[in-house]
PDB file of N, CA and C in Angstrom:
ATOM      1  N   MET A   1       9.738  11.430  -7.483  1.00  0.00           N
ATOM      2  CA  MET A   1      10.322  10.293  -6.805  1.00  0.00           C
ATOM      3  C   MET A   1       9.267   9.199  -6.646  1.00  0.00           C
ATOM      4  N   GLN A   2       9.682   7.949  -6.673  1.00  0.00           N
ATOM      5  CA  GLN A   2       8.783   6.807  -6.604  1.00  0.00           C
ATOM      6  C   GLN A   2       7.926   6.819  -5.337  1.00  0.00           C
ATOM      7  N   GLU A   3       8.522   7.151  -4.194  1.00  0.00           N
ATOM      8  CA  GLU A   3       7.777   7.161  -2.942  1.00  0.00           C
ATOM      9  C   GLU A   3       6.648   8.187  -2.974  1.00  0.00           C
ATOM     10  N   GLU A   4       6.924   9.355  -3.534  1.00  0.00           N
ATOM     11  CA  GLU A   4       5.893  10.386  -3.620  1.00  0.00           C
ATOM     12  C   GLU A   4       4.751   9.931  -4.509  1.00  0.00           C
ATOM     13  N   PHE A   5       5.065   9.254  -5.606  1.00  0.00           N
ATOM     14  CA  PHE A   5       4.035   8.719  -6.491  1.00  0.00           C
ATOM     15  C   PHE A   5       3.187   7.692  -5.749  1.00  0.00           C
ATOM     16  N   LEU A   6       3.849   6.803  -5.026  1.00  0.00           N
ATOM     17  CA  LEU A   6       3.139   5.772  -4.273  1.00  0.00           C
ATOM     18  C   LEU A   6       2.211   6.402  -3.252  1.00  0.00           C
ATOM     19  N   LEU A   7       2.710   7.363  -2.512  1.00  0.00           N
ATOM     20  CA  LEU A   7       1.897   8.030  -1.494  1.00  0.00           C
ATOM     21  C   LEU A   7       0.727   8.764  -2.135  1.00  0.00           C
ATOM     22  N   GLU A   8       0.972   9.481  -3.209  1.00  0.00           N
ATOM     23  CA  GLU A   8      -0.099  10.218  -3.887  1.00  0.00           C
ATOM     24  C   GLU A   8      -1.174   9.268  -4.406  1.00  0.00           C
ATOM     25  N   ARG A   9      -0.768   8.149  -4.964  1.00  0.00           N
ATOM     26  CA  ARG A   9      -1.717   7.165  -5.473  1.00  0.00           C
ATOM     27  C   ARG A   9      -2.567   6.586  -4.346  1.00  0.00           C
ATOM     28  N   MET A  10      -1.954   6.428  -3.181  1.00  0.00           N
ATOM     29  CA  MET A  10      -2.661   5.843  -2.050  1.00  0.00           C
ATOM     30  C   MET A  10      -3.683   6.796  -1.436  1.00  0.00           C
ATOM     31  N   ILE A  11      -3.445   8.105  -1.493  1.00  0.00           N
ATOM     32  CA  ILE A  11      -4.322   9.027  -0.757  1.00  0.00           C
ATOM     33  C   ILE A  11      -5.308   9.787  -1.630  1.00  0.00           C
ATOM     34  N   ARG A  12      -5.118   9.815  -2.910  1.00  0.00           N
ATOM     35  CA  ARG A  12      -5.952  10.622  -3.797  1.00  0.00           C
ATOM     36  C   ARG A  12      -7.423  10.209  -3.690  1.00  0.00           C
ATOM     37  N   GLY A  13      -8.269  11.145  -3.251  1.00  0.00           N
ATOM     38  CA  GLY A  13      -9.713  10.949  -3.219  1.00  0.00           C
ATOM     39  C   GLY A  13     -10.208   9.900  -2.255  1.00  0.00           C
ATOM     40  N   LYS A  14      -9.448   9.581  -1.233  1.00  0.00           N
ATOM     41  CA  LYS A  14      -9.846   8.530  -0.300  1.00  0.00           C
ATOM     42  C   LYS A  14     -10.032   9.097   1.102  1.00  0.00           C
ATOM     43  N   THR A  15     -10.912   8.463   1.835  1.00  0.00           N
ATOM     44  CA  THR A  15     -11.121   8.857   3.225  1.00  0.00           C
ATOM     45  C   THR A  15      -9.914   8.417   4.052  1.00  0.00           C
ATOM     46  N   GLU A  16      -9.831   8.926   5.254  1.00  0.00           N
ATOM     47  CA  GLU A  16      -8.743   8.559   6.167  1.00  0.00           C
ATOM     48  C   GLU A  16      -8.733   7.044   6.414  1.00  0.00           C
ATOM     49  N   GLU A  17      -9.914   6.476   6.598  1.00  0.00           N
ATOM     50  CA  GLU A  17     -10.025   5.037   6.844  1.00  0.00           C
ATOM     51  C   GLU A  17      -9.596   4.237   5.607  1.00  0.00           C
ATOM     52  N   GLU A  18      -9.986   4.673   4.435  1.00  0.00           N
ATOM     53  CA  GLU A  18      -9.580   3.997   3.201  1.00  0.00           C
ATOM     54  C   GLU A  18      -8.069   4.065   3.009  1.00  0.00           C
ATOM     55  N   GLN A  19      -7.478   5.186   3.360  1.00  0.00           N
ATOM     56  CA  GLN A  19      -6.025   5.343   3.269  1.00  0.00           C
ATOM     57  C   GLN A  19      -5.333   4.379   4.219  1.00  0.00           C
ATOM     58  N   ARG A  20      -5.858   4.286   5.446  1.00  0.00           N
ATOM     59  CA  ARG A  20      -5.286   3.387   6.454  1.00  0.00           C
ATOM     60  C   ARG A  20      -5.365   1.936   5.979  1.00  0.00           C
ATOM     61  N   ILE A  21      -6.515   1.562   5.444  1.00  0.00           N
ATOM     62  CA  ILE A  21      -6.703   0.198   4.960  1.00  0.00           C
ATOM     63  C   ILE A  21      -5.755  -0.102   3.808  1.00  0.00           C
ATOM     64  N   GLU A  22      -5.656   0.805   2.866  1.00  0.00           N
ATOM     65  CA  GLU A  22      -4.775   0.576   1.715  1.00  0.00           C
ATOM     66  C   GLU A  22      -3.311   0.488   2.146  1.00  0.00           C
ATOM     67  N   LEU A  23      -2.913   1.323   3.093  1.00  0.00           N
ATOM     68  CA  LEU A  23      -1.535   1.283   3.578  1.00  0.00           C
ATOM     69  C   LEU A  23      -1.249  -0.065   4.236  1.00  0.00           C
ATOM     70  N   MET A  24      -2.163  -0.524   5.079  1.00  0.00           N
ATOM     71  CA  MET A  24      -1.971  -1.821   5.734  1.00  0.00           C
ATOM     72  C   MET A  24      -1.951  -2.957   4.713  1.00  0.00           C
ATOM     73  N   GLN A  25      -2.815  -2.896   3.699  1.00  0.00           N
ATOM     74  CA  GLN A  25      -2.817  -3.930   2.666  1.00  0.00           C
ATOM     75  C   GLN A  25      -1.508  -3.914   1.876  1.00  0.00           C
ATOM     76  N   THR A  26      -1.018  -2.732   1.577  1.00  0.00           N
ATOM     77  CA  THR A  26       0.233  -2.616   0.826  1.00  0.00           C
ATOM     78  C   THR A  26       1.398  -3.159   1.652  1.00  0.00           C
ATOM     79  N   ILE A  27       1.396  -2.911   2.944  1.00  0.00           N
ATOM     80  CA  ILE A  27       2.435  -3.461   3.828  1.00  0.00           C
ATOM     81  C   ILE A  27       2.370  -4.982   3.810  1.00  0.00           C
ATOM     82  N   MET A  28       1.176  -5.534   3.934  1.00  0.00           N
ATOM     83  CA  MET A  28       1.031  -6.986   3.933  1.00  0.00           C
ATOM     84  C   MET A  28       1.466  -7.589   2.600  1.00  0.00           C
ATOM     85  N   ASP A  29       1.100  -6.954   1.496  1.00  0.00           N
ATOM     86  CA  ASP A  29       1.507  -7.437   0.170  1.00  0.00           C
ATOM     87  C   ASP A  29       3.025  -7.408   0.016  1.00  0.00           C
ATOM     88  N   THR A  30       3.632  -6.330   0.484  1.00  0.00           N
ATOM     89  CA  THR A  30       5.085  -6.182   0.368  1.00  0.00           C
ATOM     90  C   THR A  30       5.801  -7.208   1.232  1.00  0.00           C
ATOM     91  N   LYS A  31       5.284  -7.480   2.429  1.00  0.00           N
ATOM     92  CA  LYS A  31       5.862  -8.519   3.282  1.00  0.00           C
ATOM     93  C   LYS A  31       5.820  -9.870   2.577  1.00  0.00           C
ATOM     94  N   GLU A  32       4.693 -10.145   1.932  1.00  0.00           N
ATOM     95  CA  GLU A  32       4.547 -11.417   1.228  1.00  0.00           C
ATOM     96  C   GLU A  32       5.524 -11.510   0.056  1.00  0.00           C
ATOM     97  N   LYS A  33       5.673 -10.430  -0.695  1.00  0.00           N
ATOM     98  CA  LYS A  33       6.620 -10.416  -1.812  1.00  0.00           C
ATOM     99  C   LYS A  33       8.052 -10.611  -1.322  1.00  0.00           C
ATOM    100  N   LEU A  34       8.390 -10.000  -0.189  1.00  0.00           N
ATOM    101  CA  LEU A  34       9.724 -10.161   0.382  1.00  0.00           C
ATOM    102  C   LEU A  34       9.946 -11.608   0.802  1.00  0.00           C
ATOM    103  N   LYS A  35       8.946 -12.193   1.435  1.00  0.00           N
ATOM    104  CA  LYS A  35       9.036 -13.584   1.868  1.00  0.00           C
ATOM    105  C   LYS A  35       9.246 -14.516   0.666  1.00  0.00           C
ATOM    106  N   ILE A  36       8.530 -14.264  -0.411  1.00  0.00           N
ATOM    107  CA  ILE A  36       8.662 -15.081  -1.621  1.00  0.00           C
ATOM    108  C   ILE A  36      10.047 -14.908  -2.235  1.00  0.00           C
ATOM    109  N   ALA A  37      10.539 -13.665  -2.292  1.00  0.00           N
ATOM    110  CA  ALA A  37      11.869 -13.417  -2.850  1.00  0.00           C
ATOM    111  C   ALA A  37      12.951 -14.133  -2.035  1.00  0.00           C
ATOM    112  N   ILE A  38      12.823 -14.108  -0.719  1.00  0.00           N
ATOM    113  CA  ILE A  38      13.796 -14.793   0.145  1.00  0.00           C
ATOM    114  C   ILE A  38      13.750 -16.301  -0.101  1.00  0.00           C
ATOM    115  N   SER A  39      12.545 -16.836  -0.177  1.00  0.00           N
ATOM    116  CA  SER A  39      12.391 -18.269  -0.433  1.00  0.00           C
ATOM    117  C   SER A  39      12.984 -18.651  -1.788  1.00  0.00           C
ATOM    118  N   ASN A  40      12.705 -17.866  -2.812  1.00  0.00           N
ATOM    119  CA  ASN A  40      13.243 -18.146  -4.148  1.00  0.00           C
ATOM    120  C   ASN A  40      14.765 -18.019  -4.177  1.00  0.00           C
ATOM    121  N   PHE A  41      15.293 -17.047  -3.434  1.00  0.00           N
ATOM    122  CA  PHE A  41      16.747 -16.853  -3.374  1.00  0.00           C
ATOM    123  C   PHE A  41      17.440 -18.099  -2.817  1.00  0.00           C
ATOM    124  N   GLU A  42      16.802 -18.723  -1.826  1.00  0.00           N
ATOM    125  CA  GLU A  42      17.398 -19.898  -1.196  1.00  0.00           C
ATOM    126  C   GLU A  42      17.616 -21.049  -2.185  1.00  0.00           C
ATOM    127  N   TYR A  43      16.823 -21.076  -3.250  1.00  0.00           N
ATOM    128  CA  TYR A  43      16.931 -22.158  -4.232  1.00  0.00           C
ATOM    129  C   TYR A  43      17.447 -21.682  -5.588  1.00  0.00           C
ATOM    130  N   ALA A  44      17.836 -20.419  -5.670  1.00  0.00           N
ATOM    131  CA  ALA A  44      18.269 -19.853  -6.952  1.00  0.00           C
ATOM    132  C   ALA A  44      19.637 -20.381  -7.358  1.00  0.00           C
ATOM    133  N   GLU A  45      19.816 -20.405  -8.660  1.00  0.00           N
ATOM    134  CA  GLU A  45      21.096 -20.825  -9.224  1.00  0.00           C
ATOM    135  C   GLU A  45      21.562 -19.785 -10.231  1.00  0.00           C
ATOM    136  N   ASP A  46      22.858 -19.667 -10.357  1.00  0.00           N
ATOM    137  CA  ASP A  46      23.512 -18.852 -11.381  1.00  0.00           C
ATOM    138  C   ASP A  46      22.969 -17.425 -11.467  1.00  0.00           C
ATOM    139  N   GLU A  47      22.448 -17.058 -12.642  1.00  0.00           N
ATOM    140  CA  GLU A  47      22.019 -15.677 -12.897  1.00  0.00           C
ATOM    141  C   GLU A  47      20.844 -15.235 -12.036  1.00  0.00           C
ATOM    142  N   LEU A  48      20.034 -16.163 -11.582  1.00  0.00           N
ATOM    143  CA  LEU A  48      18.859 -15.801 -10.788  1.00  0.00           C
ATOM    144  C   LEU A  48      19.218 -15.330  -9.378  1.00  0.00           C
ATOM    145  N   ILE A  49      20.407 -15.637  -8.924  1.00  0.00           N
ATOM    146  CA  ILE A  49      20.823 -15.189  -7.593  1.00  0.00           C
ATOM    147  C   ILE A  49      20.794 -13.667  -7.517  1.00  0.00           C
ATOM    148  N   ASP A  50      21.386 -13.007  -8.516  1.00  0.00           N
ATOM    149  CA  ASP A  50      21.384 -11.541  -8.541  1.00  0.00           C
ATOM    150  C   ASP A  50      19.960 -10.982  -8.624  1.00  0.00           C
ATOM    151  N   TYR A  51      19.122 -11.625  -9.405  1.00  0.00           N
ATOM    152  CA  TYR A  51      17.740 -11.172  -9.549  1.00  0.00           C
ATOM    153  C   TYR A  51      17.016 -11.202  -8.207  1.00  0.00           C
ATOM    154  N   TYR A  52      17.137 -12.290  -7.475  1.00  0.00           N
ATOM    155  CA  TYR A  52      16.428 -12.386  -6.196  1.00  0.00           C
ATOM    156  C   TYR A  52      17.039 -11.484  -5.132  1.00  0.00           C
ATOM    157  N   ILE A  53      18.338 -11.238  -5.207  1.00  0.00           N
ATOM    158  CA  ILE A  53      18.944 -10.255  -4.298  1.00  0.00           C
ATOM    159  C   ILE A  53      18.327  -8.886  -4.561  1.00  0.00           C
ATOM    160  N   TYR A  54      18.191  -8.526  -5.822  1.00  0.00           N
ATOM    161  CA  TYR A  54      17.552  -7.257  -6.184  1.00  0.00           C
ATOM    162  C   TYR A  54      16.119  -7.212  -5.665  1.00  0.00           C
ATOM    163  N   GLN A  55      15.378  -8.290  -5.848  1.00  0.00           N
ATOM    164  CA  GLN A  55      13.993  -8.341  -5.388  1.00  0.00           C
ATOM    165  C   GLN A  55      13.914  -8.174  -3.863  1.00  0.00           C
ATOM    166  N   MET A  56      14.813  -8.825  -3.148  1.00  0.00           N
ATOM    167  CA  MET A  56      14.815  -8.707  -1.689  1.00  0.00           C
ATOM    168  C   MET A  56      15.124  -7.275  -1.264  1.00  0.00           C
ATOM    169  N   LYS A  57      16.135  -6.675  -1.858  1.00  0.00           N
ATOM    170  CA  LYS A  57      16.508  -5.303  -1.506  1.00  0.00           C
ATOM    171  C   LYS A  57      15.386  -4.329  -1.835  1.00  0.00           C
ATOM    172  N   ALA A  58      14.770  -4.489  -2.994  1.00  0.00           N
ATOM    173  CA  ALA A  58      13.691  -3.583  -3.412  1.00  0.00           C
ATOM    174  C   ALA A  58      12.488  -3.703  -2.481  1.00  0.00           C
ATOM    175  N   ASN A  59      12.091  -4.919  -2.166  1.00  0.00           N
ATOM    176  CA  ASN A  59      10.943  -5.106  -1.285  1.00  0.00           C
ATOM    177  C   ASN A  59      11.240  -4.665   0.144  1.00  0.00           C
ATOM    178  N   GLN A  60      12.475  -4.872   0.599  1.00  0.00           N
ATOM    179  CA  GLN A  60      12.830  -4.424   1.948  1.00  0.00           C
ATOM    180  C   GLN A  60      12.813  -2.907   2.032  1.00  0.00           C
ATOM    181  N   ALA A  61      13.319  -2.235   1.009  1.00  0.00           N
ATOM    182  CA  ALA A  61      13.307  -0.768   0.988  1.00  0.00           C
ATOM    183  C   ALA A  61      11.875  -0.240   0.977  1.00  0.00           C
ATOM    184  N   LYS A  62      11.026  -0.858   0.180  1.00  0.00           N
ATOM    185  CA  LYS A  62       9.619  -0.440   0.123  1.00  0.00           C
ATOM    186  C   LYS A  62       8.942  -0.681   1.469  1.00  0.00           C
ATOM    187  N   LEU A  63       9.197  -1.827   2.071  1.00  0.00           N
ATOM    188  CA  LEU A  63       8.608  -2.149   3.370  1.00  0.00           C
ATOM    189  C   LEU A  63       9.070  -1.162   4.438  1.00  0.00           C
ATOM    190  N   ASP A  64      10.349  -0.830   4.440  1.00  0.00           N
ATOM    191  CA  ASP A  64      10.874   0.148   5.403  1.00  0.00           C
ATOM    192  C   ASP A  64      10.156   1.483   5.250  1.00  0.00           C
ATOM    193  N   TYR A  65       9.964   1.915   4.010  1.00  0.00           N
ATOM    194  CA  TYR A  65       9.276   3.177   3.748  1.00  0.00           C
ATOM    195  C   TYR A  65       7.826   3.120   4.231  1.00  0.00           C
ATOM    196  N   LEU A  66       7.129   2.042   3.916  1.00  0.00           N
ATOM    197  CA  LEU A  66       5.720   1.924   4.302  1.00  0.00           C
ATOM    198  C   LEU A  66       5.544   1.862   5.812  1.00  0.00           C
ATOM    199  N   ILE A  67       6.444   1.180   6.490  1.00  0.00           N
ATOM    200  CA  ILE A  67       6.371   1.103   7.952  1.00  0.00           C
ATOM    201  C   ILE A  67       6.609   2.478   8.561  1.00  0.00           C
ATOM    202  N   LYS A  68       7.577   3.184   8.032  1.00  0.00           N
ATOM    203  CA  LYS A  68       7.845   4.547   8.500  1.00  0.00           C
ATOM    204  C   LYS A  68       6.615   5.435   8.293  1.00  0.00           C
ATOM    205  N   LEU A  69       5.976   5.303   7.140  1.00  0.00           N
ATOM    206  CA  LEU A  69       4.774   6.070   6.835  1.00  0.00           C
ATOM    207  C   LEU A  69       3.636   5.697   7.794  1.00  0.00           C
ATOM    208  N   ALA A  70       3.457   4.418   8.028  1.00  0.00           N
ATOM    209  CA  ALA A  70       2.399   3.959   8.941  1.00  0.00           C
ATOM    210  C   ALA A  70       2.627   4.493  10.349  1.00  0.00           C
ATOM    211  N   LYS A  71       3.856   4.435  10.823  1.00  0.00           N
ATOM    212  CA  LYS A  71       4.164   4.939  12.157  1.00  0.00           C
ATOM    213  C   LYS A  71       3.912   6.436  12.256  1.00  0.00           C
ATOM    214  N   SER A  72       4.231   7.165  11.186  1.00  0.00           N
ATOM    215  CA  SER A  72       4.004   8.611  11.209  1.00  0.00           C
ATOM    216  C   SER A  72       2.520   8.947  11.251  1.00  0.00           C
ATOM    217  N   LYS A  73       1.678   8.025  10.787  1.00  0.00           N
ATOM    218  CA  LYS A  73       0.234   8.218  10.803  1.00  0.00           C
ATOM    219  C   LYS A  73      -0.408   7.586  12.038  1.00  0.00           C
ATOM    220  N   GLY A  74       0.415   7.033  12.921  1.00  0.00           N
ATOM    221  CA  GLY A  74      -0.093   6.453  14.155  1.00  0.00           C
ATOM    222  C   GLY A  74      -0.781   5.115  13.972  1.00  0.00           C
ATOM    223  N   ILE A  75      -0.445   4.409  12.901  1.00  0.00           N
ATOM    224  CA  ILE A  75      -1.051   3.108  12.631  1.00  0.00           C
ATOM    225  C   ILE A  75      -0.214   2.031  13.308  1.00  0.00           C
ATOM    226  N   ALA A  76      -0.870   1.242  14.152  1.00  0.00           N
ATOM    227  CA  ALA A  76      -0.179   0.173  14.867  1.00  0.00           C
ATOM    228  C   ALA A  76       0.052  -1.002  13.930  1.00  0.00           C
ATOM    229  N   LEU A  77       1.277  -1.446  13.873  1.00  0.00           N
ATOM    230  CA  LEU A  77       1.628  -2.596  13.046  1.00  0.00           C
ATOM    231  C   LEU A  77       1.802  -3.802  13.958  1.00  0.00           C
ATOM    232  N   ASN A  78       0.727  -4.568  14.111  1.00  0.00           N
ATOM    233  CA  ASN A  78       0.782  -5.728  14.981  1.00  0.00           C
ATOM    234  C   ASN A  78      -0.059  -6.865  14.406  1.00  0.00           C
ATOM    235  N   ARG A  79       0.007  -8.005  15.032  1.00  0.00           N
ATOM    236  CA  ARG A  79      -0.702  -9.196  14.541  1.00  0.00           C
ATOM    237  C   ARG A  79      -2.214  -8.998  14.522  1.00  0.00           C
ATOM    238  N   ILE A  80      -2.731  -8.315  15.521  1.00  0.00           N
ATOM    239  CA  ILE A  80      -4.185  -8.103  15.597  1.00  0.00           C
ATOM    240  C   ILE A  80      -4.662  -7.310  14.382  1.00  0.00           C
ATOM    241  N   ASN A  81      -3.981  -6.219  14.079  1.00  0.00           N
ATOM    242  CA  ASN A  81      -4.368  -5.427  12.905  1.00  0.00           C
ATOM    243  C   ASN A  81      -4.180  -6.210  11.614  1.00  0.00           C
ATOM    244  N   GLU A  82      -3.140  -7.018  11.564  1.00  0.00           N
ATOM    245  CA  GLU A  82      -2.911  -7.817  10.364  1.00  0.00           C
ATOM    246  C   GLU A  82      -4.039  -8.833  10.180  1.00  0.00           C
ATOM    247  N   LEU A  83      -4.474  -9.462  11.260  1.00  0.00           N
ATOM    248  CA  LEU A  83      -5.590 -10.404  11.171  1.00  0.00           C
ATOM    249  C   LEU A  83      -6.883  -9.695  10.773  1.00  0.00           C
ATOM    250  N   LYS A  84      -7.094  -8.499  11.301  1.00  0.00           N
ATOM    251  CA  LYS A  84      -8.269  -7.720  10.914  1.00  0.00           C
ATOM    252  C   LYS A  84      -8.237  -7.415   9.423  1.00  0.00           C
ATOM    253  N   MET A  85      -7.064  -7.068   8.900  1.00  0.00           N
ATOM    254  CA  MET A  85      -6.939  -6.748   7.483  1.00  0.00           C
ATOM    255  C   MET A  85      -7.188  -7.986   6.617  1.00  0.00           C
ATOM    256  N   ARG A  86      -6.709  -9.130   7.061  1.00  0.00           N
ATOM    257  CA  ARG A  86      -6.954 -10.358   6.310  1.00  0.00           C
ATOM    258  C   ARG A  86      -8.452 -10.661   6.264  1.00  0.00           C
ATOM    259  N   THR A  87      -9.131 -10.471   7.388  1.00  0.00           N
ATOM    260  CA  THR A  87     -10.579 -10.680   7.448  1.00  0.00           C
ATOM    261  C   THR A  87     -11.295  -9.679   6.560  1.00  0.00           C
ATOM    262  N   TYR A  88     -10.859  -8.434   6.615  1.00  0.00           N
ATOM    263  CA  TYR A  88     -11.442  -7.378   5.775  1.00  0.00           C
ATOM    264  C   TYR A  88     -11.302  -7.737   4.296  1.00  0.00           C
ATOM    265  N   ARG A  89     -10.114  -8.158   3.913  1.00  0.00           N
ATOM    266  CA  ARG A  89      -9.873  -8.556   2.516  1.00  0.00           C
ATOM    267  C   ARG A  89     -10.772  -9.693   2.097  1.00  0.00           C
ATOM    268  N   LYS A  90     -10.836 -10.698   2.955  1.00  0.00           N
ATOM    269  CA  LYS A  90     -11.639 -11.886   2.650  1.00  0.00           C
ATOM    270  C   LYS A  90     -13.109 -11.504   2.462  1.00  0.00           C
ATOM    271  N   ASN A  91     -13.621 -10.676   3.359  1.00  0.00           N
ATOM    272  CA  ASN A  91     -15.023 -10.256   3.283  1.00  0.00           C
ATOM    273  C   ASN A  91     -15.291  -9.409   2.046  1.00  0.00           C
ATOM    274  N   ASN A  92     -14.375  -8.535   1.692  1.00  0.00           N
ATOM    275  CA  ASN A  92     -14.570  -7.662   0.539  1.00  0.00           C
ATOM    276  C   ASN A  92     -14.383  -8.386  -0.785  1.00  0.00           C
ATOM    277  N   MET A  93     -13.596  -9.430  -0.796  1.00  0.00           N
ATOM    278  CA  MET A  93     -13.431 -10.207  -2.020  1.00  0.00           C
ATOM    279  C   MET A  93     -14.652 -11.076  -2.281  1.00  0.00           C
ATOM    280  N   ALA A  94     -15.339 -11.442  -1.222  1.00  0.00           N
ATOM    281  CA  ALA A  94     -16.533 -12.283  -1.351  1.00  0.00           C
ATOM    282  C   ALA A  94     -17.724 -11.495  -1.883  1.00  0.00           C
ATOM    283  N   VAL A  95     -17.660 -10.158  -1.759  1.00  0.00           N
ATOM    284  CA  VAL A  95     -18.789  -9.320  -2.179  1.00  0.00           C
ATOM    285  C   VAL A  95     -18.876  -9.219  -3.676  1.00  0.00           C
TER     286      VAL A  95
END
């Protein structure tokens, strides 16, 4: 199943902290993809309407799964953690 593959890819050979960071980054990426799909849907015409509906549903399902996974691991999903992750990303990309 796709979810099992995603989870296995996220945890293989990683420390608990690395897993937490990757999960939070994946949640943030998925939120951004959902936001983009919604924005594109608002301006879509004809055949693209169905495409963006699919994109919204797919990203929402993935986000629901990731949030459920984060909660089961006791990871707080809040603005403070999101800002920390953005700072972490920025610092690690600069290296």
